[in-house]
Amino acid sequence: MAEPRIADAMSASLLVRSMCGEAVKLLRQLVEDYGSFFDSSGYLNSEGRKALEAAVRSLMKDHGWVKKCVGRARKRATYENIVKLLEIVSEACGSIQAST
């Protein structure tokens, strides 16, 4: 009877890791492809905001603590704030992956 619980826990941890990985991947794309996602004054353009929202959507489902950091990045979507968000998320996701 305990085996399904273990399988459920393992699939849940894999899902969390994949969501984290997807969010980090999208945030890295934003940072690495500056010309496509940021305007001349250093703020996210409409395509950049779409990518940010896609990354955030996957994180907010399981990691509510990200909300404050995300709010700051959404409100003032500068290159620096996106880099800070990427650092926080990749560090947190790295610790999640290490603990599972």
N, C-alpha and C. Protein backbone atom coordinates (compact mmCIF):
# COMPACT_ATOMS: atom_id res chain seq x y z
N MET A 1 0.81 -1.20 0.00
CA MET A 1 0.00 0.00 0.00
C MET A 1 0.85 1.27 0.00
N ALA A 2 2.07 1.18 0.55
CA ALA A 2 2.93 2.36 0.63
C ALA A 2 3.56 2.70 -0.72
N GLU A 3 3.64 1.74 -1.61
CA GLU A 3 4.29 1.98 -2.89
C GLU A 3 3.65 3.07 -3.73
N PRO A 4 2.30 3.15 -3.84
CA PRO A 4 1.73 4.25 -4.63
C PRO A 4 2.07 5.62 -4.07
N ARG A 5 2.16 5.74 -2.74
CA ARG A 5 2.51 7.03 -2.15
C ARG A 5 3.92 7.43 -2.53
N ILE A 6 4.83 6.46 -2.52
CA ILE A 6 6.20 6.75 -2.91
C ILE A 6 6.24 7.18 -4.37
N ALA A 7 5.52 6.48 -5.21
CA ALA A 7 5.47 6.83 -6.63
C ALA A 7 4.88 8.21 -6.83
N ASP A 8 3.81 8.53 -6.08
CA ASP A 8 3.21 9.85 -6.18
C ASP A 8 4.18 10.94 -5.73
N ALA A 9 4.91 10.69 -4.66
CA ALA A 9 5.87 11.66 -4.15
C ALA A 9 7.00 11.85 -5.16
N MET A 10 7.44 10.77 -5.76
CA MET A 10 8.52 10.88 -6.74
C MET A 10 8.07 11.64 -7.98
N SER A 11 6.86 11.38 -8.46
CA SER A 11 6.38 12.10 -9.64
C SER A 11 6.14 13.56 -9.31
N ALA A 12 5.70 13.85 -8.08
CA ALA A 12 5.50 15.25 -7.67
C ALA A 12 6.82 15.99 -7.62
N SER A 13 7.86 15.33 -7.09
CA SER A 13 9.17 16.01 -7.03
C SER A 13 9.74 16.21 -8.43
N LEU A 14 9.50 15.26 -9.33
CA LEU A 14 9.95 15.43 -10.71
C LEU A 14 9.23 16.58 -11.38
N LEU A 15 7.94 16.73 -11.08
CA LEU A 15 7.16 17.82 -11.65
C LEU A 15 7.68 19.16 -11.15
N VAL A 16 7.97 19.26 -9.85
CA VAL A 16 8.49 20.50 -9.28
C VAL A 16 9.83 20.84 -9.91
N ARG A 17 10.68 19.83 -10.07
CA ARG A 17 11.99 20.08 -10.69
C ARG A 17 11.84 20.53 -12.14
N SER A 18 10.89 19.94 -12.85
CA SER A 18 10.73 20.34 -14.25
C SER A 18 10.17 21.75 -14.35
N MET A 19 9.27 22.13 -13.43
CA MET A 19 8.74 23.49 -13.44
C MET A 19 9.84 24.49 -13.13
N CYS A 20 10.66 24.16 -12.14
CA CYS A 20 11.79 25.03 -11.82
C CYS A 20 12.74 25.14 -13.00
N GLY A 21 13.04 24.01 -13.59
CA GLY A 21 13.95 24.01 -14.73
C GLY A 21 13.41 24.83 -15.88
N GLU A 22 12.11 24.71 -16.14
CA GLU A 22 11.49 25.48 -17.21
C GLU A 22 11.54 26.98 -16.91
N ALA A 23 11.28 27.34 -15.67
CA ALA A 23 11.31 28.76 -15.29
C ALA A 23 12.72 29.33 -15.43
N VAL A 24 13.71 28.58 -14.96
CA VAL A 24 15.10 29.04 -15.07
C VAL A 24 15.50 29.16 -16.53
N LYS A 25 15.09 28.20 -17.34
CA LYS A 25 15.41 28.23 -18.77
C LYS A 25 14.83 29.48 -19.45
N LEU A 26 13.57 29.79 -19.15
CA LEU A 26 12.94 30.98 -19.74
C LEU A 26 13.59 32.27 -19.25
N LEU A 27 13.91 32.33 -17.97
CA LEU A 27 14.56 33.53 -17.44
C LEU A 27 15.95 33.71 -18.03
N ARG A 28 16.67 32.61 -18.21
CA ARG A 28 17.99 32.69 -18.84
C ARG A 28 17.89 33.20 -20.28
N GLN A 29 16.87 32.73 -20.99
CA GLN A 29 16.66 33.22 -22.36
C GLN A 29 16.48 34.72 -22.37
N LEU A 30 15.69 35.22 -21.41
CA LEU A 30 15.47 36.67 -21.33
C LEU A 30 16.79 37.40 -21.15
N VAL A 31 17.59 36.92 -20.22
CA VAL A 31 18.84 37.61 -19.89
C VAL A 31 19.85 37.50 -21.03
N GLU A 32 19.94 36.34 -21.66
CA GLU A 32 20.95 36.12 -22.70
C GLU A 32 20.61 36.79 -24.03
N ASP A 33 19.33 36.93 -24.33
CA ASP A 33 18.93 37.54 -25.61
C ASP A 33 18.37 38.94 -25.37
N TYR A 34 19.24 39.80 -24.86
CA TYR A 34 18.85 41.15 -24.46
C TYR A 34 18.14 41.91 -25.59
N GLY A 35 18.68 41.87 -26.78
CA GLY A 35 18.15 42.65 -27.90
C GLY A 35 16.73 42.28 -28.29
N SER A 36 16.35 41.03 -28.08
CA SER A 36 15.01 40.58 -28.48
C SER A 36 13.96 40.86 -27.42
N PHE A 37 14.36 40.91 -26.16
CA PHE A 37 13.37 40.99 -25.09
C PHE A 37 13.36 42.31 -24.32
N PHE A 38 14.34 43.17 -24.54
CA PHE A 38 14.41 44.44 -23.83
C PHE A 38 14.42 45.59 -24.82
N ASP A 39 13.84 46.72 -24.41
CA ASP A 39 13.87 47.90 -25.28
C ASP A 39 15.16 48.67 -25.05
N SER A 40 15.30 49.79 -25.72
CA SER A 40 16.55 50.55 -25.66
C SER A 40 16.83 51.16 -24.28
N SER A 41 15.78 51.30 -23.45
CA SER A 41 16.00 51.86 -22.12
C SER A 41 16.18 50.79 -21.05
N GLY A 42 16.25 49.52 -21.44
CA GLY A 42 16.56 48.46 -20.50
C GLY A 42 15.36 47.82 -19.83
N TYR A 43 14.16 48.07 -20.33
CA TYR A 43 12.94 47.47 -19.78
C TYR A 43 12.44 46.38 -20.72
N LEU A 44 11.75 45.39 -20.14
CA LEU A 44 11.19 44.32 -20.96
C LEU A 44 10.19 44.87 -21.97
N ASN A 45 10.26 44.39 -23.19
CA ASN A 45 9.25 44.73 -24.19
C ASN A 45 8.10 43.72 -24.07
N SER A 46 7.16 43.78 -24.98
CA SER A 46 5.97 42.91 -24.87
C SER A 46 6.33 41.44 -24.98
N GLU A 47 7.27 41.08 -25.85
CA GLU A 47 7.69 39.68 -25.96
C GLU A 47 8.40 39.22 -24.69
N GLY A 48 9.18 40.11 -24.11
CA GLY A 48 9.87 39.79 -22.87
C GLY A 48 8.90 39.58 -21.72
N ARG A 49 7.86 40.41 -21.68
CA ARG A 49 6.84 40.26 -20.63
C ARG A 49 6.10 38.93 -20.78
N LYS A 50 5.85 38.52 -22.02
CA LYS A 50 5.18 37.22 -22.24
C LYS A 50 6.05 36.08 -21.71
N ALA A 51 7.34 36.14 -21.99
CA ALA A 51 8.26 35.10 -21.52
C ALA A 51 8.37 35.12 -19.99
N LEU A 52 8.40 36.32 -19.41
CA LEU A 52 8.44 36.44 -17.95
C LEU A 52 7.20 35.82 -17.33
N GLU A 53 6.04 36.12 -17.88
CA GLU A 53 4.80 35.57 -17.34
C GLU A 53 4.74 34.06 -17.47
N ALA A 54 5.28 33.52 -18.55
CA ALA A 54 5.31 32.06 -18.71
C ALA A 54 6.20 31.43 -17.64
N ALA A 55 7.34 32.05 -17.36
CA ALA A 55 8.24 31.53 -16.33
C ALA A 55 7.60 31.64 -14.96
N VAL A 56 6.98 32.76 -14.69
CA VAL A 56 6.37 33.00 -13.38
C VAL A 56 5.18 32.08 -13.14
N ARG A 57 4.40 31.86 -14.17
CA ARG A 57 3.20 31.02 -14.04
C ARG A 57 3.56 29.63 -13.50
N SER A 58 4.62 29.06 -14.04
CA SER A 58 5.00 27.71 -13.60
C SER A 58 5.54 27.73 -12.17
N LEU A 59 6.18 28.80 -11.76
CA LEU A 59 6.72 28.88 -10.41
C LEU A 59 5.65 29.14 -9.35
N MET A 60 4.73 30.02 -9.64
CA MET A 60 3.75 30.45 -8.65
C MET A 60 2.84 29.32 -8.19
N LYS A 61 2.66 28.30 -9.01
CA LYS A 61 1.80 27.19 -8.63
C LYS A 61 2.32 26.47 -7.39
N ASP A 62 3.62 26.26 -7.33
CA ASP A 62 4.20 25.48 -6.24
C ASP A 62 5.07 26.27 -5.27
N HIS A 63 5.50 27.44 -5.68
CA HIS A 63 6.43 28.21 -4.85
C HIS A 63 5.87 29.60 -4.59
N GLY A 64 4.99 29.70 -3.61
CA GLY A 64 4.37 30.98 -3.29
C GLY A 64 5.36 32.02 -2.77
N TRP A 65 6.47 31.56 -2.19
CA TRP A 65 7.46 32.48 -1.65
C TRP A 65 8.08 33.37 -2.72
N VAL A 66 7.97 32.98 -3.97
CA VAL A 66 8.55 33.73 -5.07
C VAL A 66 7.74 35.00 -5.36
N LYS A 67 6.54 35.05 -4.82
CA LYS A 67 5.59 36.12 -5.16
C LYS A 67 6.18 37.53 -4.98
N LYS A 68 6.87 37.77 -3.88
CA LYS A 68 7.42 39.10 -3.62
C LYS A 68 8.49 39.47 -4.66
N CYS A 69 9.37 38.52 -4.93
CA CYS A 69 10.44 38.77 -5.93
C CYS A 69 9.84 39.00 -7.31
N VAL A 70 8.83 38.20 -7.63
CA VAL A 70 8.18 38.31 -8.93
C VAL A 70 7.45 39.65 -9.04
N GLY A 71 6.80 40.06 -7.97
CA GLY A 71 6.09 41.34 -7.98
C GLY A 71 7.02 42.50 -8.29
N ARG A 72 8.20 42.46 -7.70
CA ARG A 72 9.19 43.51 -7.94
C ARG A 72 9.63 43.49 -9.40
N ALA A 73 9.86 42.30 -9.94
CA ALA A 73 10.30 42.19 -11.34
C ALA A 73 9.19 42.59 -12.30
N ARG A 74 7.95 42.29 -11.95
CA ARG A 74 6.83 42.68 -12.82
C ARG A 74 6.63 44.20 -12.80
N LYS A 75 6.69 44.77 -11.61
CA LYS A 75 6.43 46.20 -11.47
C LYS A 75 7.50 47.03 -12.19
N ARG A 76 8.73 46.67 -11.99
CA ARG A 76 9.84 47.39 -12.61
C ARG A 76 10.69 46.37 -13.35
N ALA A 77 10.31 46.08 -14.56
CA ALA A 77 10.89 44.99 -15.34
C ALA A 77 12.18 45.41 -16.04
N THR A 78 13.18 45.77 -15.23
CA THR A 78 14.48 46.14 -15.79
C THR A 78 15.36 44.91 -15.93
N TYR A 79 16.41 45.05 -16.68
CA TYR A 79 17.35 43.96 -16.86
C TYR A 79 17.91 43.50 -15.51
N GLU A 80 18.26 44.45 -14.67
CA GLU A 80 18.84 44.14 -13.36
C GLU A 80 17.87 43.32 -12.50
N ASN A 81 16.59 43.70 -12.49
CA ASN A 81 15.60 42.97 -11.70
C ASN A 81 15.36 41.57 -12.24
N ILE A 82 15.42 41.40 -13.53
CA ILE A 82 15.25 40.06 -14.11
C ILE A 82 16.45 39.19 -13.76
N VAL A 83 17.66 39.76 -13.76
CA VAL A 83 18.85 39.01 -13.38
C VAL A 83 18.76 38.60 -11.91
N LYS A 84 18.30 39.50 -11.04
CA LYS A 84 18.13 39.17 -9.63
C LYS A 84 17.12 38.03 -9.46
N LEU A 85 16.02 38.11 -10.18
CA LEU A 85 15.00 37.06 -10.10
C LEU A 85 15.59 35.73 -10.57
N LEU A 86 16.34 35.74 -11.64
CA LEU A 86 16.98 34.53 -12.15
C LEU A 86 17.92 33.94 -11.10
N GLU A 87 18.70 34.78 -10.44
CA GLU A 87 19.62 34.29 -9.41
C GLU A 87 18.87 33.64 -8.26
N ILE A 88 17.80 34.28 -7.80
CA ILE A 88 17.02 33.75 -6.69
C ILE A 88 16.37 32.43 -7.06
N VAL A 89 15.76 32.39 -8.23
CA VAL A 89 15.04 31.19 -8.66
C VAL A 89 16.01 30.05 -8.91
N SER A 90 17.15 30.31 -9.58
CA SER A 90 18.07 29.22 -9.86
C SER A 90 18.70 28.69 -8.58
N GLU A 91 18.96 29.56 -7.61
CA GLU A 91 19.49 29.09 -6.33
C GLU A 91 18.45 28.22 -5.61
N ALA A 92 17.21 28.68 -5.59
CA ALA A 92 16.15 27.93 -4.92
C ALA A 92 15.88 26.60 -5.62
N CYS A 93 15.85 26.62 -6.92
CA CYS A 93 15.61 25.39 -7.67
C CYS A 93 16.77 24.43 -7.52
N GLY A 94 17.96 24.94 -7.43
CA GLY A 94 19.13 24.09 -7.19
C GLY A 94 19.04 23.40 -5.84
N SER A 95 18.57 24.11 -4.82
CA SER A 95 18.44 23.48 -3.51
C SER A 95 17.30 22.48 -3.48
N ILE A 96 16.24 22.72 -4.26
CA ILE A 96 15.14 21.77 -4.35
C ILE A 96 15.63 20.49 -5.02
N GLN A 97 16.39 20.64 -6.10
CA GLN A 97 16.89 19.47 -6.82
C GLN A 97 17.89 18.69 -5.97
N ALA A 98 18.66 19.39 -5.16
CA ALA A 98 19.65 18.70 -4.33
C ALA A 98 18.98 17.93 -3.20
N SER A 99 17.85 18.44 -2.71
CA SER A 99 17.17 17.79 -1.59
C SER A 99 16.34 16.60 -2.01
N THR A 100 16.01 16.47 -3.31
CA THR A 100 15.18 15.34 -3.75
C THR A 100 16.01 14.21 -4.27
